[in-house]
Amino acid sequence: MRRLASSVLFAIAILWGCDEPEPQEEKATIVTYDASKTICGTSWVIQGEGKQLKSLELPKDYQQANLDVWIKYIPDVTRLSSQCTFIKLTSIRRR
């Protein structure tokens, strides 16, 4: 019985360690909606900590300029560009 419990705990520990960590929450400001016809196209402009990010989607409650928020995000691999950093928000809340 003790051996079975040890084996189960060992398997859980291995599986637990395989998960990728969540990106850290970051201070950001929703700057504006960019509707220009640039190479980046139309998107929401978000000023992160030292970098400007672009998101194609933003919840309606957060669609206002100069709004301070906390965000978590991952790179948007479907929109790769050397000139624009696109992200997908995984979490957003007001500061």
C-alpha atoms as a PDB file:
ATOM      1  CA  MET A   1       0.000   0.000   0.000  1.00  0.00           C
ATOM      2  CA  ARG A   2       2.804   2.372   0.910  1.00  0.00           C
ATOM      3  CA  ARG A   3       4.563   1.588  -2.392  1.00  0.00           C
ATOM      4  CA  LEU A   4       1.382   2.357  -4.360  1.00  0.00           C
ATOM      5  CA  ALA A   5       0.952   5.684  -2.590  1.00  0.00           C
ATOM      6  CA  SER A   6       4.593   6.584  -3.281  1.00  0.00           C
ATOM      7  CA  SER A   7       4.192   5.695  -6.962  1.00  0.00           C
ATOM      8  CA  VAL A   8       1.041   7.782  -7.297  1.00  0.00           C
ATOM      9  CA  LEU A   9       2.655  10.792  -5.598  1.00  0.00           C
ATOM     10  CA  PHE A  10       5.727  10.448  -7.831  1.00  0.00           C
ATOM     11  CA  ALA A  11       3.557  10.366 -10.980  1.00  0.00           C
ATOM     12  CA  ILE A  12       1.602  13.432  -9.827  1.00  0.00           C
ATOM     13  CA  ALA A  13       4.854  15.301  -9.139  1.00  0.00           C
ATOM     14  CA  ILE A  14       6.129  14.532 -12.652  1.00  0.00           C
ATOM     15  CA  LEU A  15       2.881  15.574 -14.299  1.00  0.00           C
ATOM     16  CA  TRP A  16       2.684  18.741 -12.180  1.00  0.00           C
ATOM     17  CA  GLY A  17       6.170  19.749 -13.301  1.00  0.00           C
ATOM     18  CA  CYS A  18       5.251  19.436 -16.998  1.00  0.00           C
ATOM     19  CA  ASP A  19       2.876  22.400 -16.917  1.00  0.00           C
ATOM     20  CA  GLU A  20       4.254  25.637 -18.312  1.00  0.00           C
ATOM     21  CA  PRO A  21       4.141  28.499 -15.819  1.00  0.00           C
ATOM     22  CA  GLU A  22       1.590  31.255 -16.356  1.00  0.00           C
ATOM     23  CA  PRO A  23       3.042  34.510 -17.666  1.00  0.00           C
ATOM     24  CA  GLN A  24       3.461  37.058 -14.902  1.00  0.00           C
ATOM     25  CA  GLU A  25       0.943  39.834 -14.524  1.00  0.00           C
ATOM     26  CA  GLU A  26       2.249  43.114 -15.915  1.00  0.00           C
ATOM     27  CA  LYS A  27       1.261  46.762 -15.487  1.00  0.00           C
ATOM     28  CA  ALA A  28      -0.038  48.235 -18.727  1.00  0.00           C
ATOM     29  CA  THR A  29      -2.105  51.074 -20.165  1.00  0.00           C
ATOM     30  CA  ILE A  30      -4.635  50.764 -22.959  1.00  0.00           C
ATOM     31  CA  VAL A  31      -3.440  53.611 -25.186  1.00  0.00           C
ATOM     32  CA  THR A  32      -5.869  53.698 -28.104  1.00  0.00           C
ATOM     33  CA  TYR A  33      -7.402  51.818 -31.014  1.00  0.00           C
ATOM     34  CA  ASP A  34      -5.126  52.151 -34.046  1.00  0.00           C
ATOM     35  CA  ALA A  35      -7.277  52.216 -37.185  1.00  0.00           C
ATOM     36  CA  SER A  36      -4.454  53.372 -39.457  1.00  0.00           C
ATOM     37  CA  LYS A  37      -3.464  51.573 -42.605  1.00  0.00           C
ATOM     38  CA  THR A  38       0.039  50.722 -41.408  1.00  0.00           C
ATOM     39  CA  ILE A  39       1.840  47.425 -41.887  1.00  0.00           C
ATOM     40  CA  CYS A  40       0.569  46.378 -38.450  1.00  0.00           C
ATOM     41  CA  GLY A  41      -3.070  46.938 -39.439  1.00  0.00           C
ATOM     42  CA  THR A  42      -5.836  47.882 -37.050  1.00  0.00           C
ATOM     43  CA  SER A  43      -5.431  46.814 -33.438  1.00  0.00           C
ATOM     44  CA  TRP A  44      -5.530  47.944 -29.828  1.00  0.00           C
ATOM     45  CA  VAL A  45      -2.299  49.590 -28.701  1.00  0.00           C
ATOM     46  CA  ILE A  46      -1.223  48.638 -25.174  1.00  0.00           C
ATOM     47  CA  GLN A  47       1.782  50.204 -23.491  1.00  0.00           C
ATOM     48  CA  GLY A  48       3.424  47.529 -21.382  1.00  0.00           C
ATOM     49  CA  GLU A  49       6.431  47.818 -19.119  1.00  0.00           C
ATOM     50  CA  GLY A  50       8.969  49.248 -21.550  1.00  0.00           C
ATOM     51  CA  LYS A  51       7.345  47.942 -24.704  1.00  0.00           C
ATOM     52  CA  GLN A  52       4.395  48.646 -26.952  1.00  0.00           C
ATOM     53  CA  LEU A  53       2.078  45.715 -27.594  1.00  0.00           C
ATOM     54  CA  LYS A  54      -0.774  45.226 -30.049  1.00  0.00           C
ATOM     55  CA  SER A  55      -3.865  43.124 -29.505  1.00  0.00           C
ATOM     56  CA  LEU A  56      -6.558  42.369 -32.060  1.00  0.00           C
ATOM     57  CA  GLU A  57      -9.121  41.673 -29.345  1.00  0.00           C
ATOM     58  CA  LEU A  58      -9.949  43.530 -26.164  1.00  0.00           C
ATOM     59  CA  PRO A  59     -13.028  42.985 -23.959  1.00  0.00           C
ATOM     60  CA  LYS A  60     -15.610  45.770 -24.392  1.00  0.00           C
ATOM     61  CA  ASP A  61     -15.296  46.831 -20.730  1.00  0.00           C
ATOM     62  CA  TYR A  62     -11.661  47.779 -21.399  1.00  0.00           C
ATOM     63  CA  GLN A  63     -12.032  49.525 -24.762  1.00  0.00           C
ATOM     64  CA  GLN A  64     -11.158  53.037 -23.630  1.00  0.00           C
ATOM     65  CA  ALA A  65      -8.054  55.170 -24.027  1.00  0.00           C
ATOM     66  CA  ASN A  66      -5.616  55.746 -21.171  1.00  0.00           C
ATOM     67  CA  LEU A  67      -7.029  52.962 -19.013  1.00  0.00           C
ATOM     68  CA  ASP A  68      -4.561  51.492 -16.488  1.00  0.00           C
ATOM     69  CA  VAL A  69      -4.785  47.701 -16.268  1.00  0.00           C
ATOM     70  CA  TRP A  70      -2.999  44.555 -15.167  1.00  0.00           C
ATOM     71  CA  ILE A  71      -2.520  42.050 -18.004  1.00  0.00           C
ATOM     72  CA  LYS A  72      -1.254  38.558 -18.659  1.00  0.00           C
ATOM     73  CA  TYR A  73      -0.597  37.581 -22.251  1.00  0.00           C
ATOM     74  CA  ILE A  74       1.082  35.198 -24.638  1.00  0.00           C
ATOM     75  CA  PRO A  75       2.604  36.003 -28.027  1.00  0.00           C
ATOM     76  CA  ASP A  76       0.084  35.731 -30.873  1.00  0.00           C
ATOM     77  CA  VAL A  77       1.893  33.277 -33.131  1.00  0.00           C
ATOM     78  CA  THR A  78      -0.773  33.606 -35.821  1.00  0.00           C
ATOM     79  CA  ARG A  79       0.264  37.261 -36.352  1.00  0.00           C
ATOM     80  CA  LEU A  80       4.047  37.202 -36.517  1.00  0.00           C
ATOM     81  CA  SER A  81       5.681  40.427 -37.665  1.00  0.00           C
ATOM     82  CA  SER A  82       9.174  41.795 -37.241  1.00  0.00           C
ATOM     83  CA  GLN A  83       7.757  45.322 -36.828  1.00  0.00           C
ATOM     84  CA  CYS A  84       4.777  44.665 -34.546  1.00  0.00           C
ATOM     85  CA  THR A  85       4.480  42.676 -31.338  1.00  0.00           C
ATOM     86  CA  PHE A  86       1.033  41.075 -31.314  1.00  0.00           C
ATOM     87  CA  ILE A  87      -0.307  39.408 -28.201  1.00  0.00           C
ATOM     88  CA  LYS A  88      -3.309  37.396 -27.031  1.00  0.00           C
ATOM     89  CA  LEU A  89      -4.577  38.506 -23.642  1.00  0.00           C
ATOM     90  CA  THR A  90      -5.078  35.669 -21.190  1.00  0.00           C
ATOM     91  CA  SER A  91      -6.117  37.928 -18.315  1.00  0.00           C
ATOM     92  CA  ILE A  92      -6.969  41.597 -17.866  1.00  0.00           C
ATOM     93  CA  ARG A  93      -8.215  43.620 -14.890  1.00  0.00           C
ATOM     94  CA  ARG A  94      -8.325  47.293 -13.878  1.00  0.00           C
ATOM     95  CA  ARG A  95      -5.620  48.813 -11.714  1.00  0.00           C
END
